[in-house]
Amino acid sequence: MPEGMVARRSVLAGTAAAAVALAGPLSTPASAATFGYTDDGANYVVDTGAGLVFKVSKTNGDLSSLVYKGTEYQGYGGKNSHIESGLGTSTVTIAQSGPTILISVTYGTLKLYYAARSGENNVYIWTNKADTSVSATRYILRVKAGLFLNDEPDSYTYTTSTIEASDVFAKSDGQTRSKHYSKLRVMDYDYIGWTTGSVGLWMVRSNHEKASGGPFYRSLLRHQSTDGGGLYEILYYGENQTEDQRFGLQGPYVIALTDGGAPSSSLYHGNIDTSWADSLGLLGYVAASGRGRVAGVGISGRDTSYAYTVGLANSAAQYWGSARASDGYFSITGVLPGTYTLTVFKEELAVATQSVTVTAGGTTTLNTIAIASTNDPSNASAIWRINDWTGSPSGFKNADLMTYAHPSDVRAAAWTGNVVIGSGTETSGFPCYLWKDVNSGIIVYFRLTAAQSAAAHTLRIGVTTAYANGRPQISVNDTYTSAVPSPPAQPSTRSLTVGSYRGNNNTFTYSIPASAWATDPSTYNQLKIYVASGSGTTSYLSAGTSIDAIDLLA
C-alpha cells in the first residue's frame, strides 16, 4: 500500500503550562527488555518498553539504529541519522530519571539532546546552536530503501539527469524532481513522513521559534532516492532566506513511530506538554511558566475573502497564529519574553505592524487592530488590475506548479503570456515568473477612455522575490520607457527554480505621463514589461522575478 504524507495547518503555540518536575536520583540502567538503556560499547541503546529500540553513537551522537517491532528503519547509503552531515568526535552522556532517559551530545558550542519516555514510541530531540562555529542547520532522519513507497513523486529523485546545480533532475518524460520540491510552507504542516498502513514513520516538527523565514517559508521536508529516504527538521536554511539566523535551543521535534496512523496530536507543537523536561537541565530551555501569550480581540479592515495570519518576530524568536475568520481574533501562546514586531498578513502580504512586549507568565491583550485602508493596495481605485494583492503569485499561470517543479518541467504551460484586459483570462494567462532570458517583454493590452487617456496615471507592479536582482522595467506604446528601478533587498540564492516564491514583498511604481497613451479610445495601449538586471546567467537562472499583482491606478 502506498504510504501517505499527512499535512495539517495549525496555529503555532508554545510548550504547555503546568510544570511537573522530574524527581529522584538517576536510576540504574535497566535491561533492554524493559524501559531503560544499555551500553553496547559503541552506542547507548535505549528501549522505550513499547516496541521501539534506538541507538545513539557514543562517538559523535549519530542516531545509528531505529528498530520498531523488530524492523530496522535507520540508514541509507551507509549513513546514520544526524545533525547536518554529522558531527565530529563529541562528548556523549546518558542519564535516566524515572520515566525519562536523556542522551546529551556536546560538540564545541553545539548541544544535541535525545529523550525517551517510558511506554512511548517517540524520540524527542532538541538542538541548541549557539553560533556559526558549527554548521548545524538541520536534522535528517535517514530511512532505509524499500520500506515505504513514495506518494510525493516530485521530491523522488530516482533519476540521474541533472539540469541545475547538483540537486535538480529531469526524468525522460520531461518531469522534474528535487528534494527542494516540498510544496508546503512551514505553517501548513505539523508532521511529515510515510505509512505502509501498518507502520508509520513521522517527523513531527517543532514550533520553529529559533528558525528563520516566518510562517510562509519553504524548505526541504523529505525526499526519496534509490538509496532510501530522508525526513528533515530544518532549523535554519539559507536558500531564499529573508532573515538572519537565530540561535538558541530549538525543539522538541519528534521522531514518531505508529502502527500506521498519524502521530498523536499531543505531539504537535501547539499541543505538546513538555513539562516532564523542565528539570532535565537542557541548555537554553524555558518552561511554560517562563513564557507569555499575545491575544488580540480582533482585526478590522480585513478583506474576508482571504485568510489572515499574525506573526511575531525579533532577532531571538519567531511565532505566528491564524486570525479567526469571523472577527480576526487571535492567540499566540508559548512566547519567550521580549519585545516583538507584530505583523498582520493578508494571505502573505504585510498590511499592519506594531510593537508588542511579552512578559513571563503574562498575557499581552491587544485591542482591535485596524488595517489602514492605504496599507492594503487592493483598496486603491484602479482602471484595471491583474490578480489581487496577496503577497504571493497565486492565481497566475504556473504558480501552483512552481512550488513543486522546475520551470522547465513539461507540465508547465508556456511561459509566454501577452494578455488583454477585459478578456477574463488576464490573471490565469499571465505567467507567475518573468526572466530576462525567457519571457522578458510580455505585453498587456488595454483600452482607455478619452478622459482616462488625457491624464497621467501610476502603474504598480508587486513582486514577491527576485533572483539575481531581477526587477521590472516598463515601456508604454514605445513612446515612454521608465528608468531602471533600483533593486530591493532580496535573497541572493536561488528561489524561482527551487520551489519558492517567498522573498521580500516590494511594490514598484511608475508615473506614466498622459502623452504616452493612445488618444483613440478604440485603440489598444501596449504595456511591455521587461526584466532589468546585469547579473544572472541564462535561461531560468537569468535574472528573474515573481509577480504578485499589476494595476493601473485611476
Protein backbone atom coordinates (compact mmCIF):
# COMPACT_ATOMS: atom_id res chain seq x y z
CA MET A 1 0.00 0.00 0.00
CA PRO A 2 1.42 3.42 -0.87
CA GLU A 3 2.44 5.49 2.06
CA GLY A 4 0.76 8.80 2.71
CA MET A 5 2.06 12.11 3.93
CA VAL A 6 -0.39 13.97 6.11
CA ALA A 7 -0.07 17.73 6.43
CA ARG A 8 -2.02 19.78 8.94
CA ARG A 9 -2.39 23.54 9.04
CA SER A 10 -2.31 24.88 12.57
CA VAL A 11 -1.81 27.82 14.92
CA LEU A 12 1.64 27.94 16.47
CA ALA A 13 1.80 27.66 20.21
CA GLY A 14 4.47 27.04 22.77
CA THR A 15 5.01 24.44 25.43
CA ALA A 16 2.02 23.67 27.63
CA ALA A 17 1.58 25.02 31.10
CA ALA A 18 1.76 23.14 34.40
CA ALA A 19 5.38 22.22 35.02
CA VAL A 20 5.85 18.83 36.62
CA ALA A 21 9.45 18.40 37.71
CA LEU A 22 11.28 15.12 37.35
CA ALA A 23 12.23 13.84 40.75
CA GLY A 24 14.56 11.31 42.24
CA PRO A 25 18.15 10.30 41.70
CA LEU A 26 19.44 8.84 38.46
CA SER A 27 18.37 5.23 38.27
CA THR A 28 20.43 2.20 37.45
CA PRO A 29 20.26 1.28 33.73
CA ALA A 30 17.57 -1.30 33.06
CA SER A 31 17.78 -4.28 30.76
CA ALA A 32 16.90 -3.86 27.09
CA ALA A 33 13.76 -5.96 27.61
CA THR A 34 12.04 -3.18 29.56
CA PHE A 35 12.20 0.58 29.57
CA GLY A 36 15.80 1.60 30.13
CA TYR A 37 19.19 1.67 28.47
CA THR A 38 22.29 -0.40 27.96
CA ASP A 39 25.78 0.27 26.62
CA ASP A 40 26.98 -1.98 23.77
CA GLY A 41 30.43 -0.37 23.75
CA ALA A 42 29.89 1.81 20.68
CA ASN A 43 26.36 3.05 21.36
CA TYR A 44 23.88 3.80 24.07
CA VAL A 45 20.91 1.53 23.41
CA VAL A 46 17.52 2.84 24.57
CA ASP A 47 14.43 0.63 24.84
CA THR A 48 11.18 2.55 25.30
CA GLY A 49 9.47 -0.60 26.53
CA ALA A 50 6.79 -0.28 23.84
CA GLY A 51 8.38 -1.68 20.69
CA LEU A 52 10.97 0.99 19.87
CA VAL A 53 14.70 0.47 20.42
CA PHE A 54 17.17 3.09 19.20
CA LYS A 55 20.91 3.56 19.42
CA VAL A 56 22.97 6.73 19.70
CA SER A 57 26.68 6.65 18.90
CA LYS A 58 28.90 7.34 21.89
CA THR A 59 31.48 8.82 19.50
CA ASN A 60 29.55 11.52 17.64
CA GLY A 61 25.89 11.49 18.71
CA ASP A 62 24.56 9.97 15.49
CA LEU A 63 21.31 8.03 15.62
CA SER A 64 22.81 4.75 14.45
CA SER A 65 19.78 2.46 14.75
CA LEU A 66 16.00 2.81 14.87
CA VAL A 67 14.26 -0.53 15.33
CA TYR A 68 10.49 -0.70 15.63
CA LYS A 69 8.90 -4.07 16.40
CA GLY A 70 11.96 -5.87 15.12
CA THR A 71 12.45 -3.95 11.85
CA GLU A 72 15.43 -1.63 11.32
CA TYR A 73 14.37 1.66 9.71
CA GLN A 74 17.53 3.75 10.15
CA GLY A 75 20.08 4.20 7.45
CA TYR A 76 20.61 4.63 3.74
CA GLY A 77 23.77 4.87 1.73
CA GLY A 78 25.76 3.67 4.73
CA LYS A 79 24.93 6.85 6.66
CA ASN A 80 23.44 7.41 10.07
CA SER A 81 20.79 9.94 11.03
CA HIS A 82 22.26 13.12 12.46
CA ILE A 83 22.57 16.87 12.61
CA GLU A 84 23.60 18.33 9.25
CA SER A 85 26.08 15.84 7.72
CA GLY A 86 27.15 14.53 11.11
CA LEU A 87 29.29 15.82 13.94
CA GLY A 88 32.89 15.00 14.71
CA THR A 89 34.10 13.46 17.94
CA SER A 90 31.72 14.60 20.68
CA THR A 91 31.09 14.17 24.37
CA VAL A 92 28.07 11.89 24.72
CA THR A 93 26.45 11.10 28.09
CA ILE A 94 23.27 9.36 29.21
CA ALA A 95 21.12 9.55 32.33
CA GLN A 96 17.81 8.11 33.44
CA SER A 97 15.41 9.78 35.86
CA GLY A 98 12.20 7.89 36.49
CA PRO A 99 10.29 7.52 33.20
CA THR A 100 12.72 9.63 31.16
CA ILE A 101 16.08 8.87 29.54
CA LEU A 102 18.19 11.75 28.27
CA ILE A 103 21.21 11.49 25.98
CA SER A 104 23.30 14.67 25.80
CA VAL A 105 25.74 15.38 22.98
CA THR A 106 28.27 18.22 23.13
CA TYR A 107 30.25 19.26 20.08
CA GLY A 108 32.00 22.59 20.59
CA THR A 109 29.26 25.13 21.23
CA LEU A 110 26.56 22.80 19.88
CA LYS A 111 24.28 20.84 22.20
CA LEU A 112 22.12 17.98 20.92
CA TYR A 113 19.67 16.10 23.12
CA TYR A 114 17.70 12.88 22.62
CA ALA A 115 14.98 11.95 25.12
CA ALA A 116 12.80 8.87 25.51
CA ARG A 117 9.76 8.34 27.68
CA SER A 118 8.63 5.04 29.12
CA GLY A 119 5.93 3.40 27.00
CA GLU A 120 6.21 5.89 24.12
CA ASN A 121 7.47 5.09 20.63
CA ASN A 122 8.89 8.58 20.21
CA VAL A 123 12.35 10.09 20.13
CA TYR A 124 12.30 13.71 21.35
CA ILE A 125 15.14 15.85 20.00
CA TRP A 126 16.40 19.33 20.90
CA THR A 127 19.26 21.25 19.31
CA ASN A 128 20.99 24.27 20.77
CA LYS A 129 23.12 26.05 18.20
CA ALA A 130 24.90 28.93 19.92
CA ASP A 131 26.77 30.48 16.99
CA THR A 132 28.03 29.89 13.46
CA SER A 133 31.04 27.85 14.53
CA VAL A 134 29.06 24.68 13.81
CA SER A 135 27.13 24.31 10.57
CA ALA A 136 24.19 22.52 12.17
CA THR A 137 21.05 23.68 10.44
CA ARG A 138 19.03 20.52 10.02
CA TYR A 139 18.35 17.12 11.46
CA ILE A 140 17.96 14.40 8.85
CA LEU A 141 16.41 11.04 9.62
CA ARG A 142 17.82 8.63 7.04
CA VAL A 143 15.45 5.78 6.25
CA LYS A 144 16.36 2.51 4.56
CA ALA A 145 15.27 1.96 0.97
CA GLY A 146 12.34 -0.28 0.13
CA LEU A 147 10.38 0.16 3.36
CA PHE A 148 7.96 2.79 2.09
CA LEU A 149 6.62 3.61 -1.34
CA ASN A 150 6.55 7.24 -2.44
CA ASP A 151 3.49 9.47 -2.52
CA GLU A 152 5.25 12.77 -3.24
CA PRO A 153 6.91 11.98 -6.56
CA ASP A 154 8.25 15.48 -7.15
CA SER A 155 10.74 15.01 -4.33
CA TYR A 156 11.52 11.49 -5.54
CA THR A 157 14.98 11.64 -7.09
CA TYR A 158 15.12 8.31 -8.91
CA THR A 159 16.86 9.87 -11.88
CA THR A 160 20.39 10.98 -12.71
CA SER A 161 19.81 13.63 -15.36
CA THR A 162 20.95 16.82 -13.60
CA ILE A 163 19.54 20.03 -15.05
CA GLU A 164 20.51 22.55 -12.37
CA ALA A 165 23.34 22.57 -9.84
CA SER A 166 23.59 19.06 -8.40
CA ASP A 167 20.12 18.87 -6.91
CA VAL A 168 17.50 19.37 -9.64
CA PHE A 169 16.86 16.49 -12.02
CA ALA A 170 14.75 15.64 -15.05
CA LYS A 171 13.15 12.36 -15.97
CA SER A 172 12.99 11.08 -19.50
CA ASP A 173 9.34 12.16 -19.74
CA GLY A 174 10.30 15.79 -19.02
CA GLN A 175 9.05 15.95 -15.42
CA THR A 176 11.47 17.39 -12.90
CA ARG A 177 12.49 16.18 -9.46
CA SER A 178 14.29 17.71 -6.49
CA LYS A 179 14.49 17.35 -2.75
CA HIS A 180 13.59 21.07 -2.70
CA TYR A 181 10.09 20.49 -4.05
CA SER A 182 8.14 20.26 -0.81
CA LYS A 183 5.01 22.26 -1.74
CA LEU A 184 4.29 23.14 1.89
CA ARG A 185 5.05 26.26 3.87
CA VAL A 186 6.09 25.83 7.50
CA MET A 187 2.64 26.84 8.73
CA ASP A 188 0.95 24.23 6.54
CA TYR A 189 2.10 21.08 8.33
CA ASP A 190 2.64 19.59 11.76
CA TYR A 191 4.42 16.45 10.59
CA ILE A 192 5.67 14.67 7.52
CA GLY A 193 6.52 11.06 6.84
CA TRP A 194 5.32 7.76 5.44
CA THR A 195 2.98 4.93 6.26
CA THR A 196 2.53 1.42 4.93
CA GLY A 197 -0.85 1.18 6.58
CA SER A 198 0.58 -0.95 9.37
CA VAL A 199 3.64 1.13 10.25
CA GLY A 200 4.02 4.89 10.20
CA LEU A 201 7.30 6.77 10.48
CA TRP A 202 7.00 10.51 11.05
CA MET A 203 8.97 13.64 11.80
CA VAL A 204 6.83 15.96 13.92
CA ARG A 205 8.12 19.49 13.60
CA SER A 206 8.93 21.83 16.46
CA ASN A 207 7.42 25.29 16.87
CA HIS A 208 10.36 26.77 14.88
CA GLU A 209 10.77 29.60 17.36
CA LYS A 210 14.52 29.68 16.69
CA ALA A 211 14.20 29.04 12.96
CA SER A 212 14.04 31.86 10.39
CA GLY A 213 11.85 32.87 7.49
CA GLY A 214 8.45 33.14 9.13
CA PRO A 215 5.25 31.13 8.63
CA PHE A 216 5.37 31.13 4.83
CA TYR A 217 8.89 29.79 4.43
CA ARG A 218 9.50 26.66 2.35
CA SER A 219 12.45 24.32 2.68
CA LEU A 220 13.37 20.65 2.47
CA LEU A 221 10.87 18.32 4.12
CA ARG A 222 11.58 14.88 2.77
CA HIS A 223 12.88 13.02 -0.24
CA GLN A 224 13.41 9.53 -1.56
CA SER A 225 16.05 8.11 -3.89
CA THR A 226 17.44 4.72 -4.82
CA ASP A 227 19.40 4.72 -1.56
CA GLY A 228 16.46 5.41 0.73
CA GLY A 229 14.57 8.35 2.15
CA GLY A 230 15.14 11.38 4.28
CA LEU A 231 12.85 13.21 6.70
CA TYR A 232 14.03 16.69 7.71
CA GLU A 233 13.62 19.13 10.51
CA ILE A 234 15.18 22.31 9.11
CA LEU A 235 16.47 24.57 11.87
CA TYR A 236 17.94 27.16 9.51
CA TYR A 237 18.04 27.01 5.74
CA GLY A 238 19.86 29.58 3.65
CA GLU A 239 18.05 29.01 0.34
CA ASN A 240 15.88 32.07 -0.41
CA GLN A 241 16.16 33.12 3.23
CA THR A 242 14.82 36.54 4.24
CA GLU A 243 16.07 36.66 7.83
CA ASP A 244 19.28 36.32 9.77
CA GLN A 245 19.91 33.07 11.58
CA ARG A 246 18.56 32.78 15.11
CA PHE A 247 20.42 30.93 17.83
CA GLY A 248 19.43 29.01 20.94
CA LEU A 249 17.51 25.89 21.89
CA GLN A 250 15.18 24.56 19.21
CA GLY A 251 12.71 21.77 19.88
CA PRO A 252 11.47 19.37 20.64
CA TYR A 253 11.00 17.86 17.24
CA VAL A 254 9.92 14.25 17.42
CA ILE A 255 10.62 11.05 15.52
CA ALA A 256 7.37 9.14 16.00
CA LEU A 257 6.61 5.51 15.16
CA THR A 258 2.99 4.35 14.91
CA ASP A 259 1.00 1.33 13.84
CA GLY A 260 0.19 3.05 10.55
CA GLY A 261 -1.80 6.04 11.68
CA ALA A 262 -0.80 9.67 12.02
CA PRO A 263 1.31 10.66 15.02
CA SER A 264 -0.67 11.63 18.08
CA SER A 265 -1.88 15.21 18.01
CA SER A 266 -0.47 15.53 21.53
CA LEU A 267 2.96 15.76 19.87
CA TYR A 268 2.05 18.75 17.70
CA HIS A 269 3.78 21.98 18.58
CA GLY A 270 0.51 23.57 19.65
CA ASN A 271 -0.44 20.69 21.93
CA ILE A 272 2.74 19.12 23.25
CA ASP A 273 3.28 19.11 27.00
CA THR A 274 7.00 19.00 27.79
CA SER A 275 6.67 19.78 31.49
CA TRP A 276 8.46 16.46 32.05
CA ALA A 277 11.56 18.12 30.54
CA ASP A 278 11.54 21.12 32.88
CA SER A 279 14.15 19.65 35.20
CA LEU A 280 16.36 17.92 32.63
CA GLY A 281 18.84 20.78 32.51
CA LEU A 282 18.64 21.40 28.76
CA LEU A 283 20.78 24.40 27.87
CA GLY A 284 18.50 27.30 26.93
CA TYR A 285 15.30 25.53 27.96
CA VAL A 286 12.45 27.80 29.07
CA ALA A 287 9.49 26.17 30.78
CA ALA A 288 5.89 27.16 30.12
CA SER A 289 5.90 29.28 33.30
CA GLY A 290 8.65 31.41 31.81
CA ARG A 291 6.70 32.18 28.66
CA GLY A 292 3.85 34.52 27.80
CA ARG A 293 0.91 34.96 25.48
CA VAL A 294 -0.32 37.57 22.99
CA ALA A 295 -4.05 37.81 22.30
CA GLY A 296 -5.92 40.20 20.04
CA VAL A 297 -9.65 40.81 20.30
CA GLY A 298 -9.93 41.29 16.55
CA ILE A 299 -8.70 42.81 13.31
CA SER A 300 -10.77 45.38 11.43
CA GLY A 301 -10.36 46.42 7.82
CA ARG A 302 -9.90 42.84 6.63
CA ASP A 303 -10.98 41.51 3.25
CA THR A 304 -12.92 38.46 4.42
CA SER A 305 -12.21 36.70 1.12
CA TYR A 306 -8.73 35.98 2.44
CA ALA A 307 -7.09 34.29 5.40
CA TYR A 308 -5.10 36.45 7.81
CA THR A 309 -2.05 35.41 9.81
CA VAL A 310 -0.46 37.25 12.73
CA GLY A 311 3.29 36.93 13.18
CA LEU A 312 5.65 37.89 15.99
CA ALA A 313 9.36 38.26 15.32
CA ASN A 314 12.52 39.69 16.78
CA SER A 315 16.17 38.73 16.49
CA ALA A 316 15.76 35.96 19.07
CA ALA A 317 12.49 34.23 18.21
CA GLN A 318 9.50 33.98 15.87
CA TYR A 319 5.88 32.84 16.29
CA TRP A 320 2.62 33.05 14.40
CA GLY A 321 -1.06 32.23 14.62
CA SER A 322 -4.15 32.33 12.41
CA ALA A 323 -6.71 35.09 12.83
CA ARG A 324 -10.28 33.86 13.23
CA ALA A 325 -12.23 34.33 10.03
CA SER A 326 -15.30 35.80 11.71
CA ASP A 327 -13.65 38.69 13.56
CA GLY A 328 -9.86 38.42 13.40
CA TYR A 329 -9.37 37.19 16.97
CA PHE A 330 -6.00 35.52 17.53
CA SER A 331 -4.00 33.99 20.34
CA ILE A 332 -0.29 33.11 20.26
CA THR A 333 0.99 31.19 23.27
CA GLY A 334 4.35 29.92 24.49
CA VAL A 335 6.18 33.14 23.57
CA LEU A 336 9.58 33.90 25.07
CA PRO A 337 9.68 37.21 26.98
CA GLY A 338 10.76 40.19 24.90
CA THR A 339 9.65 42.94 22.55
CA TYR A 340 8.44 41.81 19.14
CA THR A 341 7.26 43.29 15.89
CA LEU A 342 3.71 42.08 15.34
CA THR A 343 2.75 41.82 11.68
CA VAL A 344 -0.70 41.16 10.24
CA PHE A 345 -0.60 39.37 6.90
CA LYS A 346 -3.39 39.28 4.32
CA GLU A 347 -2.50 35.86 2.94
CA GLU A 348 1.27 36.60 2.68
CA LEU A 349 1.18 40.40 2.35
CA ALA A 350 2.01 42.52 5.40
CA VAL A 351 -0.82 45.02 5.94
CA ALA A 352 -0.27 46.17 9.55
CA THR A 353 2.57 46.24 12.07
CA GLN A 354 3.05 47.29 15.66
CA SER A 355 5.30 46.58 18.61
CA VAL A 356 4.27 44.27 21.45
CA THR A 357 6.04 43.27 24.66
CA VAL A 358 5.64 39.82 26.19
CA THR A 359 6.33 39.01 29.83
CA ALA A 360 6.86 35.65 31.53
CA GLY A 361 3.58 34.20 32.76
CA GLY A 362 1.56 37.12 31.42
CA THR A 363 -0.92 37.77 28.62
CA THR A 364 -0.50 40.84 26.42
CA THR A 365 -4.03 41.72 25.34
CA LEU A 366 -4.41 43.93 22.31
CA ASN A 367 -7.42 45.97 21.32
CA THR A 368 -8.79 45.63 17.80
CA ILE A 369 -6.02 46.11 15.26
CA ALA A 370 -7.18 48.37 12.45
CA ILE A 371 -5.72 47.80 8.99
CA ALA A 372 -5.41 51.24 7.42
CA SER A 373 -7.09 51.39 4.03
CA THR A 374 -3.87 52.61 2.45
CA ASN A 375 -1.95 49.61 3.79
CA ASP A 376 -3.85 47.19 1.56
CA PRO A 377 -3.02 48.05 -2.05
CA SER A 378 -6.21 46.30 -3.18
CA ASN A 379 -8.20 49.24 -1.78
CA ALA A 380 -6.78 51.70 -4.29
CA SER A 381 -9.11 52.58 -7.15
CA ALA A 382 -7.75 51.03 -10.33
CA ILE A 383 -8.64 51.28 -14.00
CA TRP A 384 -7.63 47.66 -14.28
CA ARG A 385 -5.88 45.11 -12.11
CA ILE A 386 -4.27 41.77 -12.87
CA ASN A 387 -4.55 39.48 -9.85
CA ASP A 388 -5.26 40.75 -6.36
CA TRP A 389 -2.61 41.83 -3.87
CA THR A 390 -1.89 38.91 -1.55
CA GLY A 391 1.91 38.77 -1.31
CA SER A 392 2.05 35.65 -3.49
CA PRO A 393 1.73 34.84 -7.21
CA SER A 394 -1.23 32.55 -6.55
CA GLY A 395 -3.66 32.68 -9.47
CA PHE A 396 -1.07 33.42 -12.13
CA LYS A 397 -0.11 30.86 -14.74
CA ASN A 398 2.06 28.02 -13.33
CA ALA A 399 2.01 29.47 -9.81
CA ASP A 400 0.89 26.33 -8.01
CA LEU A 401 3.19 24.06 -10.04
CA MET A 402 6.25 26.14 -9.20
CA THR A 403 6.18 25.07 -5.55
CA TYR A 404 6.99 21.50 -6.60
CA ALA A 405 8.57 21.63 -10.07
CA HIS A 406 11.29 23.33 -12.08
CA PRO A 407 10.17 25.97 -14.60
CA SER A 408 11.40 23.72 -17.43
CA ASP A 409 9.04 20.94 -16.35
CA VAL A 410 6.91 19.51 -19.15
CA ARG A 411 3.81 20.13 -17.01
CA ALA A 412 4.35 23.91 -17.10
CA ALA A 413 2.29 25.95 -19.53
CA ALA A 414 4.23 28.12 -21.96
CA TRP A 415 5.99 30.97 -20.21
CA THR A 416 4.73 33.41 -22.84
CA GLY A 417 1.74 35.39 -21.71
CA ASN A 418 0.61 38.52 -23.55
CA VAL A 419 -2.84 39.33 -22.13
CA VAL A 420 -5.77 41.58 -22.96
CA ILE A 421 -7.54 43.46 -20.18
CA GLY A 422 -11.21 42.55 -20.22
CA SER A 423 -10.64 39.08 -21.69
CA GLY A 424 -11.39 37.35 -18.41
CA THR A 425 -8.10 35.44 -18.55
CA GLU A 426 -5.76 38.26 -17.58
CA THR A 427 -4.55 36.56 -14.41
CA SER A 428 -4.62 32.90 -15.44
CA GLY A 429 -2.89 33.76 -18.72
CA PHE A 430 -0.11 35.86 -17.22
CA PRO A 431 2.98 33.91 -16.06
CA CYS A 432 3.81 33.96 -12.37
CA TYR A 433 7.53 34.48 -13.07
CA LEU A 434 9.41 36.67 -15.53
CA TRP A 435 13.03 36.12 -16.58
CA LYS A 436 15.34 38.29 -18.63
CA ASP A 437 16.35 35.34 -20.83
CA VAL A 438 12.96 33.61 -21.07
CA ASN A 439 9.91 35.87 -21.34
CA SER A 440 11.01 39.46 -20.79
CA GLY A 441 8.89 41.92 -22.78
CA ILE A 442 5.47 40.43 -22.10
CA ILE A 443 2.68 42.74 -23.28
CA VAL A 444 -0.51 43.85 -21.55
CA TYR A 445 -3.09 45.27 -23.99
CA PHE A 446 -5.73 47.67 -22.65
CA ARG A 447 -8.01 50.50 -23.75
CA LEU A 448 -8.57 53.83 -22.01
CA THR A 449 -11.48 56.22 -22.29
CA ALA A 450 -10.84 59.67 -23.66
CA ALA A 451 -10.90 61.10 -20.15
CA GLN A 452 -8.50 58.46 -18.85
CA SER A 453 -6.02 58.95 -21.67
CA ALA A 454 -6.00 62.68 -21.02
CA ALA A 455 -4.42 62.20 -17.61
CA ALA A 456 -1.22 60.79 -16.16
CA HIS A 457 -1.53 57.52 -14.22
CA THR A 458 0.51 55.41 -11.84
CA LEU A 459 1.29 51.82 -12.69
CA ARG A 460 2.15 49.42 -9.86
CA ILE A 461 3.88 46.05 -10.12
CA GLY A 462 4.13 43.99 -6.96
CA VAL A 463 6.84 41.34 -6.66
CA THR A 464 7.36 38.66 -4.02
CA THR A 465 11.02 37.79 -4.63
CA ALA A 466 13.70 38.15 -7.26
CA TYR A 467 16.72 36.26 -8.50
CA ALA A 468 19.98 37.99 -9.49
CA ASN A 469 18.47 41.46 -8.88
CA GLY A 470 15.77 40.98 -11.49
CA ARG A 471 13.25 43.83 -11.41
CA PRO A 472 10.63 45.14 -13.82
CA GLN A 473 11.19 47.98 -16.27
CA ILE A 474 8.30 49.08 -18.48
CA SER A 475 7.52 50.81 -21.73
CA VAL A 476 4.17 52.12 -22.99
CA ASN A 477 3.30 52.26 -26.69
CA ASP A 478 7.01 52.54 -27.49
CA THR A 479 6.79 56.24 -26.59
CA TYR A 480 7.54 56.05 -22.87
CA THR A 481 10.20 53.95 -21.18
CA SER A 482 10.70 54.00 -17.46
CA ALA A 483 14.03 54.32 -15.75
CA VAL A 484 15.54 51.09 -14.46
CA PRO A 485 14.42 50.92 -10.81
CA SER A 486 16.85 50.17 -8.03
CA PRO A 487 16.73 46.55 -6.88
CA PRO A 488 15.13 45.99 -3.47
CA ALA A 489 16.74 43.74 -0.90
CA GLN A 490 16.05 40.14 -1.88
CA PRO A 491 17.67 36.78 -1.09
CA SER A 492 20.82 36.20 -3.13
CA THR A 493 20.33 32.46 -3.56
CA ARG A 494 18.18 30.51 -5.97
CA SER A 495 14.45 30.82 -5.41
CA LEU A 496 12.29 30.58 -8.53
CA THR A 497 13.82 27.26 -9.57
CA VAL A 498 13.79 25.52 -6.18
CA GLY A 499 10.13 25.78 -5.29
CA SER A 500 9.96 29.14 -3.54
CA TYR A 501 8.49 32.49 -4.49
CA ARG A 502 8.77 33.87 -0.96
CA GLY A 503 11.18 36.76 -0.53
CA ASN A 504 10.65 40.38 0.44
CA ASN A 505 7.43 41.78 -1.00
CA ASN A 506 8.08 45.01 -2.86
CA THR A 507 5.99 47.36 -4.98
CA PHE A 508 7.44 49.18 -7.98
CA THR A 509 5.59 52.33 -9.08
CA TYR A 510 5.86 54.10 -12.43
CA SER A 511 4.45 57.56 -13.18
CA ILE A 512 3.27 57.45 -16.78
CA PRO A 513 2.55 60.80 -18.45
CA ALA A 514 -0.62 61.42 -20.44
CA SER A 515 1.48 61.81 -23.57
CA ALA A 516 2.24 58.09 -23.52
CA TRP A 517 -1.37 56.95 -24.03
CA ALA A 518 -3.18 56.22 -27.26
CA THR A 519 -5.68 59.03 -27.82
CA ASP A 520 -8.25 56.92 -29.69
CA PRO A 521 -10.42 55.02 -27.15
CA SER A 522 -10.79 52.15 -29.62
CA THR A 523 -7.03 51.64 -29.86
CA TYR A 524 -5.25 49.28 -27.51
CA ASN A 525 -2.40 50.60 -25.43
CA GLN A 526 0.58 48.30 -25.13
CA LEU A 527 2.37 47.95 -21.82
CA LYS A 528 5.58 45.94 -22.12
CA ILE A 529 7.20 44.55 -19.00
CA TYR A 530 10.88 43.74 -19.16
CA VAL A 531 13.26 42.25 -16.64
CA ALA A 532 16.23 44.51 -15.98
CA SER A 533 19.47 43.24 -14.45
CA GLY A 534 23.07 42.80 -15.41
CA SER A 535 23.55 39.64 -13.36
CA GLY A 536 22.35 36.08 -13.57
CA THR A 537 23.31 33.58 -16.24
CA THR A 538 20.99 32.12 -18.87
CA SER A 539 17.52 30.66 -19.21
CA TYR A 540 15.80 30.08 -15.85
CA LEU A 541 18.91 31.21 -13.99
CA SER A 542 18.90 34.55 -15.73
CA ALA A 543 17.65 37.50 -13.68
CA GLY A 544 14.03 36.94 -12.77
CA THR A 545 11.19 37.97 -10.53
CA SER A 546 7.93 36.63 -9.14
CA ILE A 547 4.77 38.71 -9.63
CA ASP A 548 2.13 39.47 -7.01
CA ALA A 549 -0.16 41.89 -8.86
CA ILE A 550 -0.16 44.58 -11.55
CA ASP A 551 -2.55 47.51 -11.74
CA LEU A 552 -3.07 50.90 -13.35
CA LEU A 553 -4.49 53.38 -10.88
CA ALA A 554 -7.34 55.68 -11.72
